[in-house]
């Protein structure tokens, strides 16, 4: 089983399964996106946002390894490059949202609106075809619940 979040409980009984996290986030995002007519793009974005957590490296980090794991670039790369996810401007918006979802943002502080622009803009183009395709090829290009059911066990 893959996990999205851990706690100090070593038995993992209260760790959040990644499947539950992604399905919950996608349902919420879909409802928000519906107001703009972007429910499909919002749902896909949420499904892809933590795709990099489907790695043994990230699971070791949750268990306390302390290693740095980039878990958002994989989903951003797929959103940008997967033509089944919509037209290019929508895919670019999806990719920027995914790449930026953990770029040093604080839920407590209110930084300037441009504080993270450099970080987000540097992640997605860097993630594209400069020898990194292999790193992301193990992830499905278009996720839906069927993919999650098969991959989250």
N, C-alpha and C. Protein backbone atom coordinates (compact mmCIF):
# COMPACT_ATOMS: atom_id res chain seq x y z
N UNK A 1 0.84 -1.18 0.00
CA UNK A 1 0.00 0.00 0.00
C UNK A 1 0.88 1.24 0.00
N UNK A 2 0.45 2.24 -0.71
CA UNK A 2 1.15 3.51 -0.76
C UNK A 2 0.43 4.52 0.13
N UNK A 3 1.21 5.38 0.78
CA UNK A 3 0.65 6.36 1.69
C UNK A 3 0.93 7.78 1.21
N UNK A 4 0.01 8.69 1.56
CA UNK A 4 0.18 10.10 1.24
C UNK A 4 0.81 10.84 2.40
N UNK A 5 0.42 10.46 3.62
CA UNK A 5 0.90 11.14 4.83
C UNK A 5 1.14 10.12 5.92
N UNK A 6 2.08 10.45 6.77
CA UNK A 6 2.39 9.56 7.89
C UNK A 6 2.17 10.29 9.21
N UNK A 7 2.20 9.52 10.27
CA UNK A 7 2.16 10.05 11.63
C UNK A 7 3.30 9.39 12.40
N UNK A 8 3.37 9.63 13.66
CA UNK A 8 4.42 9.00 14.47
C UNK A 8 4.10 7.54 14.80
N UNK A 9 2.91 7.08 14.44
CA UNK A 9 2.51 5.70 14.70
C UNK A 9 3.23 4.75 13.75
N UNK A 10 4.18 3.99 14.26
CA UNK A 10 4.96 3.09 13.42
C UNK A 10 4.16 1.92 12.86
N UNK A 11 2.98 1.65 13.44
CA UNK A 11 2.15 0.56 12.92
C UNK A 11 1.44 0.97 11.63
N UNK A 12 1.47 2.24 11.30
CA UNK A 12 0.87 2.81 10.09
C UNK A 12 -0.66 2.74 10.09
N UNK A 13 -1.26 2.43 11.22
CA UNK A 13 -2.72 2.30 11.28
C UNK A 13 -3.44 3.61 10.97
N UNK A 14 -2.83 4.72 11.33
CA UNK A 14 -3.49 6.01 11.06
C UNK A 14 -2.82 6.80 9.94
N UNK A 15 -1.98 6.15 9.14
CA UNK A 15 -1.38 6.80 7.98
C UNK A 15 -2.46 6.93 6.90
N UNK A 16 -2.40 8.00 6.14
CA UNK A 16 -3.40 8.23 5.10
C UNK A 16 -3.02 7.51 3.81
N UNK A 17 -3.86 6.58 3.37
CA UNK A 17 -3.57 5.91 2.09
C UNK A 17 -3.58 6.93 0.94
N UNK A 18 -2.65 6.77 0.03
CA UNK A 18 -2.54 7.70 -1.09
C UNK A 18 -3.80 7.69 -1.94
N UNK A 19 -4.37 6.53 -2.16
CA UNK A 19 -5.61 6.43 -2.95
C UNK A 19 -6.70 7.30 -2.34
N UNK A 20 -6.90 7.20 -1.03
CA UNK A 20 -7.93 8.00 -0.36
C UNK A 20 -7.65 9.49 -0.52
N UNK A 21 -6.38 9.86 -0.36
CA UNK A 21 -6.00 11.28 -0.49
C UNK A 21 -6.30 11.80 -1.88
N UNK A 22 -5.88 11.06 -2.91
CA UNK A 22 -6.08 11.54 -4.28
C UNK A 22 -7.55 11.56 -4.68
N UNK A 23 -8.31 10.55 -4.28
CA UNK A 23 -9.73 10.54 -4.62
C UNK A 23 -10.49 11.64 -3.87
N UNK A 24 -10.12 11.88 -2.62
CA UNK A 24 -10.75 12.96 -1.86
C UNK A 24 -10.43 14.32 -2.45
N UNK A 25 -9.15 14.52 -2.78
CA UNK A 25 -8.73 15.79 -3.38
C UNK A 25 -9.39 16.00 -4.73
N UNK A 26 -9.51 14.93 -5.52
CA UNK A 26 -10.10 15.08 -6.86
C UNK A 26 -11.58 15.38 -6.79
N UNK A 27 -12.29 14.79 -5.83
CA UNK A 27 -13.72 15.09 -5.69
C UNK A 27 -13.93 16.55 -5.29
N UNK A 28 -13.10 17.02 -4.37
CA UNK A 28 -13.20 18.41 -3.93
C UNK A 28 -12.84 19.36 -5.07
N UNK A 29 -11.75 19.07 -5.78
CA UNK A 29 -11.33 19.92 -6.89
C UNK A 29 -12.38 19.94 -7.99
N UNK A 30 -12.96 18.79 -8.27
CA UNK A 30 -14.00 18.73 -9.31
C UNK A 30 -15.17 19.64 -8.95
N UNK A 31 -15.56 19.64 -7.67
CA UNK A 31 -16.68 20.50 -7.27
C UNK A 31 -16.30 21.98 -7.40
N UNK A 32 -15.06 22.33 -7.07
CA UNK A 32 -14.62 23.72 -7.23
C UNK A 32 -14.55 24.09 -8.71
N UNK A 33 -14.03 23.19 -9.52
CA UNK A 33 -13.88 23.45 -10.95
C UNK A 33 -15.20 23.55 -11.69
N UNK A 34 -16.25 22.93 -11.14
CA UNK A 34 -17.55 22.96 -11.81
C UNK A 34 -18.08 24.38 -11.95
N UNK A 35 -17.77 25.22 -10.98
CA UNK A 35 -18.25 26.60 -11.04
C UNK A 35 -17.67 27.35 -12.24
N UNK A 36 -16.53 26.89 -12.74
CA UNK A 36 -15.89 27.53 -13.89
C UNK A 36 -16.02 26.70 -15.17
N UNK A 37 -16.69 25.57 -15.08
CA UNK A 37 -16.78 24.68 -16.23
C UNK A 37 -15.49 23.91 -16.47
N UNK A 38 -14.66 23.80 -15.45
CA UNK A 38 -13.36 23.13 -15.56
C UNK A 38 -13.28 21.90 -14.65
N UNK A 39 -14.41 21.24 -14.42
CA UNK A 39 -14.41 20.14 -13.48
C UNK A 39 -13.47 19.01 -13.88
N UNK A 40 -13.39 18.69 -15.16
CA UNK A 40 -12.50 17.61 -15.59
C UNK A 40 -11.03 17.97 -15.37
N UNK A 41 -10.65 19.17 -15.76
CA UNK A 41 -9.25 19.61 -15.57
C UNK A 41 -8.91 19.68 -14.09
N UNK A 42 -9.83 20.17 -13.27
CA UNK A 42 -9.58 20.27 -11.83
C UNK A 42 -9.44 18.88 -11.22
N UNK A 43 -10.30 17.97 -11.65
CA UNK A 43 -10.24 16.59 -11.15
C UNK A 43 -8.91 15.93 -11.53
N UNK A 44 -8.52 16.07 -12.80
CA UNK A 44 -7.25 15.49 -13.27
C UNK A 44 -6.06 16.10 -12.52
N UNK A 45 -6.10 17.41 -12.31
CA UNK A 45 -5.01 18.08 -11.60
C UNK A 45 -4.86 17.50 -10.20
N UNK A 46 -5.96 17.32 -9.51
CA UNK A 46 -5.90 16.76 -8.16
C UNK A 46 -5.39 15.32 -8.18
N UNK A 47 -5.80 14.54 -9.16
CA UNK A 47 -5.32 13.16 -9.24
C UNK A 47 -3.82 13.09 -9.50
N UNK A 48 -3.29 14.06 -10.22
CA UNK A 48 -1.88 14.06 -10.57
C UNK A 48 -0.98 14.76 -9.55
N UNK A 49 -1.55 15.56 -8.65
CA UNK A 49 -0.73 16.47 -7.83
C UNK A 49 0.27 15.75 -6.93
N UNK A 50 0.00 14.58 -6.48
CA UNK A 50 0.94 13.85 -5.62
C UNK A 50 1.40 12.55 -6.27
N UNK A 51 1.45 12.52 -7.57
CA UNK A 51 1.82 11.30 -8.29
C UNK A 51 3.19 10.78 -7.88
N UNK A 52 4.11 11.68 -7.58
CA UNK A 52 5.46 11.29 -7.18
C UNK A 52 5.53 10.56 -5.85
N UNK A 53 4.41 10.49 -5.14
CA UNK A 53 4.38 9.73 -3.89
C UNK A 53 4.27 8.23 -4.16
N UNK A 54 4.02 7.86 -5.43
CA UNK A 54 4.00 6.46 -5.82
C UNK A 54 5.41 5.96 -6.10
N UNK A 55 6.33 6.24 -5.22
CA UNK A 55 7.71 5.78 -5.38
C UNK A 55 8.19 5.20 -4.05
N UNK A 56 9.09 4.27 -4.14
CA UNK A 56 9.66 3.70 -2.91
C UNK A 56 10.44 4.76 -2.16
N UNK A 57 11.04 5.72 -2.89
CA UNK A 57 11.79 6.80 -2.23
C UNK A 57 10.87 7.63 -1.33
N UNK A 58 9.70 7.99 -1.84
CA UNK A 58 8.79 8.80 -1.02
C UNK A 58 8.25 8.00 0.15
N UNK A 59 7.97 6.74 -0.07
CA UNK A 59 7.46 5.91 1.02
C UNK A 59 8.52 5.76 2.12
N UNK A 60 9.80 5.67 1.72
CA UNK A 60 10.88 5.64 2.73
C UNK A 60 10.95 6.96 3.48
N UNK A 61 10.73 8.07 2.79
CA UNK A 61 10.73 9.38 3.45
C UNK A 61 9.64 9.45 4.50
N UNK A 62 8.45 8.94 4.18
CA UNK A 62 7.37 8.92 5.15
C UNK A 62 7.74 8.09 6.38
N UNK A 63 8.52 7.06 6.14
CA UNK A 63 8.94 6.17 7.24
C UNK A 63 10.10 6.76 8.04
N UNK A 64 10.61 7.93 7.60
CA UNK A 64 11.63 8.61 8.39
C UNK A 64 13.02 8.66 7.81
N UNK A 65 13.19 8.33 6.53
CA UNK A 65 14.54 8.33 5.95
C UNK A 65 15.14 9.73 5.89
N UNK A 66 14.30 10.74 5.80
CA UNK A 66 14.80 12.12 5.72
C UNK A 66 15.29 12.53 4.35
N UNK A 67 15.24 11.63 3.37
CA UNK A 67 15.72 11.98 2.04
C UNK A 67 14.74 12.95 1.36
N UNK A 68 15.29 13.83 0.51
CA UNK A 68 14.46 14.76 -0.24
C UNK A 68 13.85 14.02 -1.42
N UNK A 69 12.55 14.17 -1.60
CA UNK A 69 11.87 13.53 -2.71
C UNK A 69 10.99 14.57 -3.41
N UNK A 70 11.22 14.76 -4.69
CA UNK A 70 10.41 15.66 -5.50
C UNK A 70 9.16 14.88 -5.90
N UNK A 71 8.04 15.16 -5.26
CA UNK A 71 6.84 14.39 -5.56
C UNK A 71 5.85 15.12 -6.47
N UNK A 72 6.13 16.36 -6.85
CA UNK A 72 5.15 17.09 -7.68
C UNK A 72 5.56 17.19 -9.15
N UNK A 73 6.82 17.07 -9.45
CA UNK A 73 7.26 17.25 -10.84
C UNK A 73 6.70 16.18 -11.76
N UNK A 74 6.57 14.95 -11.29
CA UNK A 74 6.07 13.87 -12.14
C UNK A 74 4.67 14.18 -12.65
N UNK A 75 3.78 14.58 -11.76
CA UNK A 75 2.42 14.91 -12.17
C UNK A 75 2.37 16.14 -13.06
N UNK A 76 3.22 17.12 -12.77
CA UNK A 76 3.27 18.33 -13.59
C UNK A 76 3.74 17.99 -15.00
N UNK A 77 4.74 17.13 -15.10
CA UNK A 77 5.27 16.74 -16.40
C UNK A 77 4.19 16.04 -17.23
N UNK A 78 3.44 15.15 -16.59
CA UNK A 78 2.39 14.43 -17.30
C UNK A 78 1.28 15.39 -17.73
N UNK A 79 0.87 16.27 -16.83
CA UNK A 79 -0.18 17.23 -17.18
C UNK A 79 0.23 18.07 -18.39
N UNK A 80 1.48 18.51 -18.42
CA UNK A 80 1.97 19.36 -19.51
C UNK A 80 2.02 18.59 -20.83
N UNK A 81 2.41 17.34 -20.79
CA UNK A 81 2.70 16.57 -21.99
C UNK A 81 1.60 15.63 -22.46
N UNK A 82 0.64 15.31 -21.62
CA UNK A 82 -0.40 14.35 -21.99
C UNK A 82 -1.51 15.05 -22.75
N UNK A 83 -1.54 14.88 -24.06
CA UNK A 83 -2.52 15.58 -24.90
C UNK A 83 -3.94 15.14 -24.61
N UNK A 84 -4.16 14.00 -23.96
CA UNK A 84 -5.51 13.56 -23.62
C UNK A 84 -6.09 14.40 -22.49
N UNK A 85 -5.26 15.16 -21.79
CA UNK A 85 -5.73 15.97 -20.66
C UNK A 85 -6.31 17.32 -21.06
N UNK A 86 -6.37 17.62 -22.33
CA UNK A 86 -6.96 18.89 -22.76
C UNK A 86 -6.03 19.68 -23.65
N UNK A 87 -6.46 20.88 -24.00
CA UNK A 87 -5.64 21.72 -24.87
C UNK A 87 -4.44 22.27 -24.09
N UNK A 88 -3.47 22.77 -24.80
CA UNK A 88 -2.21 23.19 -24.19
C UNK A 88 -2.38 24.22 -23.07
N UNK A 89 -3.15 25.29 -23.25
CA UNK A 89 -3.26 26.25 -22.14
C UNK A 89 -3.83 25.61 -20.86
N UNK A 90 -4.80 24.72 -21.00
CA UNK A 90 -5.35 24.05 -19.82
C UNK A 90 -4.29 23.14 -19.20
N UNK A 91 -3.57 22.40 -20.03
CA UNK A 91 -2.52 21.52 -19.51
C UNK A 91 -1.43 22.32 -18.81
N UNK A 92 -1.10 23.49 -19.37
CA UNK A 92 -0.08 24.32 -18.73
C UNK A 92 -0.56 24.81 -17.37
N UNK A 93 -1.81 25.24 -17.27
CA UNK A 93 -2.35 25.67 -15.98
C UNK A 93 -2.34 24.52 -14.98
N UNK A 94 -2.71 23.33 -15.44
CA UNK A 94 -2.69 22.16 -14.57
C UNK A 94 -1.26 21.91 -14.08
N UNK A 95 -0.31 21.95 -15.00
CA UNK A 95 1.09 21.68 -14.64
C UNK A 95 1.63 22.69 -13.65
N UNK A 96 1.33 23.96 -13.85
CA UNK A 96 1.81 24.98 -12.92
C UNK A 96 1.19 24.80 -11.54
N UNK A 97 -0.09 24.46 -11.50
CA UNK A 97 -0.74 24.23 -10.20
C UNK A 97 -0.10 23.05 -9.48
N UNK A 98 0.17 21.99 -10.21
CA UNK A 98 0.77 20.80 -9.60
C UNK A 98 2.20 21.10 -9.16
N UNK A 99 3.00 21.69 -10.04
CA UNK A 99 4.40 21.98 -9.70
C UNK A 99 4.51 22.94 -8.53
N UNK A 100 3.55 23.84 -8.42
CA UNK A 100 3.63 24.86 -7.38
C UNK A 100 2.94 24.51 -6.10
N UNK A 101 2.35 23.34 -5.99
CA UNK A 101 1.53 23.08 -4.81
C UNK A 101 2.32 22.93 -3.53
N UNK A 102 3.61 22.81 -3.61
CA UNK A 102 4.44 22.77 -2.40
C UNK A 102 5.71 23.61 -2.54
N UNK A 103 5.71 24.64 -3.35
CA UNK A 103 6.92 25.44 -3.54
C UNK A 103 7.10 26.44 -2.42
N UNK A 104 7.47 25.93 -1.28
CA UNK A 104 7.76 26.75 -0.11
C UNK A 104 6.59 27.61 0.33
N UNK A 105 5.38 27.22 -0.01
CA UNK A 105 4.23 28.00 0.39
C UNK A 105 3.89 27.72 1.84
N UNK A 106 3.51 28.73 2.55
CA UNK A 106 3.12 28.60 3.94
C UNK A 106 1.64 28.89 4.07
N UNK A 107 0.94 28.08 4.83
CA UNK A 107 -0.47 28.32 5.07
C UNK A 107 -0.68 29.39 6.12
N UNK A 108 0.37 29.76 6.81
CA UNK A 108 0.24 30.72 7.89
C UNK A 108 0.61 32.14 7.47
N UNK A 109 1.52 32.26 6.55
CA UNK A 109 2.00 33.59 6.15
C UNK A 109 1.28 34.05 4.89
N UNK A 110 1.31 35.32 4.66
CA UNK A 110 0.73 35.88 3.45
C UNK A 110 1.82 36.60 2.67
N UNK A 111 2.61 35.84 1.91
CA UNK A 111 3.69 36.48 1.14
C UNK A 111 3.12 37.25 -0.05
N UNK A 112 3.99 37.96 -0.70
CA UNK A 112 3.55 38.70 -1.88
C UNK A 112 3.09 37.71 -2.94
N UNK A 113 2.17 38.11 -3.82
CA UNK A 113 1.66 37.19 -4.83
C UNK A 113 2.72 36.70 -5.81
N UNK A 114 3.86 37.37 -5.86
CA UNK A 114 4.91 36.97 -6.81
C UNK A 114 6.05 36.24 -6.13
N UNK A 115 5.93 35.91 -4.87
CA UNK A 115 7.04 35.34 -4.11
C UNK A 115 7.51 34.00 -4.66
N UNK A 116 6.62 33.21 -5.24
CA UNK A 116 6.99 31.87 -5.67
C UNK A 116 7.01 31.71 -7.18
N UNK A 117 6.78 32.76 -7.89
CA UNK A 117 6.70 32.67 -9.34
C UNK A 117 7.98 32.06 -9.93
N UNK A 118 9.12 32.46 -9.46
CA UNK A 118 10.36 31.92 -9.99
C UNK A 118 10.49 30.43 -9.76
N UNK A 119 10.08 29.96 -8.60
CA UNK A 119 10.15 28.53 -8.31
C UNK A 119 9.24 27.74 -9.23
N UNK A 120 7.99 28.13 -9.34
CA UNK A 120 7.03 27.39 -10.15
C UNK A 120 7.44 27.41 -11.61
N UNK A 121 7.81 28.56 -12.11
CA UNK A 121 8.17 28.66 -13.52
C UNK A 121 9.43 27.89 -13.86
N UNK A 122 10.26 27.62 -12.88
CA UNK A 122 11.48 26.87 -13.17
C UNK A 122 11.27 25.37 -13.13
N UNK A 123 10.23 24.90 -12.48
CA UNK A 123 10.05 23.46 -12.30
C UNK A 123 9.56 22.76 -13.55
N UNK A 124 8.47 23.24 -14.15
CA UNK A 124 7.85 22.51 -15.25
C UNK A 124 8.71 22.46 -16.49
N UNK A 125 9.24 23.59 -16.98
CA UNK A 125 10.10 23.48 -18.17
C UNK A 125 11.31 22.58 -17.91
N UNK A 126 11.86 22.62 -16.72
CA UNK A 126 13.00 21.79 -16.37
C UNK A 126 12.63 20.31 -16.37
N UNK A 127 11.37 20.02 -16.07
CA UNK A 127 10.93 18.63 -15.97
C UNK A 127 10.71 17.98 -17.32
N UNK A 128 10.62 18.77 -18.37
CA UNK A 128 10.34 18.24 -19.69
C UNK A 128 11.54 17.55 -20.32
N UNK A 129 11.55 17.33 -21.61
CA UNK A 129 12.38 16.33 -22.26
C UNK A 129 13.90 16.39 -22.15
N UNK A 130 14.45 16.86 -21.10
CA UNK A 130 15.91 16.90 -21.01
C UNK A 130 16.43 15.67 -20.27
N UNK A 131 16.09 14.51 -20.80
CA UNK A 131 16.55 13.27 -20.21
C UNK A 131 15.76 12.83 -19.00
N UNK A 132 14.67 13.51 -18.71
CA UNK A 132 13.90 13.16 -17.52
C UNK A 132 12.68 12.30 -17.84
N UNK A 133 12.41 12.04 -19.12
CA UNK A 133 11.21 11.27 -19.45
C UNK A 133 11.22 9.93 -18.75
N UNK A 134 12.37 9.29 -18.71
CA UNK A 134 12.46 7.97 -18.09
C UNK A 134 12.05 7.99 -16.64
N UNK A 135 12.37 9.08 -15.96
CA UNK A 135 12.03 9.18 -14.55
C UNK A 135 10.53 9.23 -14.34
N UNK A 136 9.79 9.72 -15.33
CA UNK A 136 8.36 9.87 -15.16
C UNK A 136 7.56 8.85 -15.95
N UNK A 137 8.21 8.01 -16.73
CA UNK A 137 7.48 7.10 -17.59
C UNK A 137 6.79 5.99 -16.81
N UNK A 138 7.14 5.81 -15.55
CA UNK A 138 6.50 4.74 -14.78
C UNK A 138 5.14 5.14 -14.25
N UNK A 139 4.74 6.40 -14.46
CA UNK A 139 3.45 6.87 -13.99
C UNK A 139 2.45 6.85 -15.14
N UNK A 140 1.18 6.56 -14.83
CA UNK A 140 0.18 6.59 -15.91
C UNK A 140 -0.04 8.01 -16.40
N UNK A 141 -0.26 8.17 -17.68
CA UNK A 141 -0.43 9.50 -18.25
C UNK A 141 -1.79 10.11 -17.99
N UNK A 142 -2.78 9.31 -17.86
CA UNK A 142 -4.12 9.83 -17.62
C UNK A 142 -4.75 9.00 -16.52
N UNK A 143 -4.92 9.59 -15.36
CA UNK A 143 -5.42 8.84 -14.21
C UNK A 143 -6.92 8.98 -14.05
N UNK A 144 -7.53 7.94 -13.65
CA UNK A 144 -8.92 7.97 -13.22
C UNK A 144 -9.05 6.90 -12.15
N UNK A 145 -10.23 6.69 -11.61
CA UNK A 145 -10.36 5.79 -10.48
C UNK A 145 -9.89 4.38 -10.81
N UNK A 146 -10.11 3.92 -12.03
CA UNK A 146 -9.64 2.58 -12.42
C UNK A 146 -8.13 2.45 -12.29
N UNK A 147 -7.39 3.48 -12.74
CA UNK A 147 -5.94 3.47 -12.58
C UNK A 147 -5.58 3.44 -11.10
N UNK A 148 -6.27 4.26 -10.31
CA UNK A 148 -5.97 4.33 -8.88
C UNK A 148 -6.25 3.00 -8.21
N UNK A 149 -7.35 2.35 -8.56
CA UNK A 149 -7.67 1.06 -7.95
C UNK A 149 -6.55 0.06 -8.21
N UNK A 150 -6.01 0.07 -9.43
CA UNK A 150 -4.96 -0.87 -9.79
C UNK A 150 -3.60 -0.50 -9.18
N UNK A 151 -3.31 0.80 -9.05
CA UNK A 151 -1.97 1.23 -8.65
C UNK A 151 -1.81 1.51 -7.17
N UNK A 152 -2.88 1.64 -6.43
CA UNK A 152 -2.79 2.08 -5.05
C UNK A 152 -2.74 0.93 -4.05
N UNK A 153 -2.64 -0.24 -4.50
CA UNK A 153 -2.62 -1.38 -3.57
C UNK A 153 -1.22 -1.76 -3.19
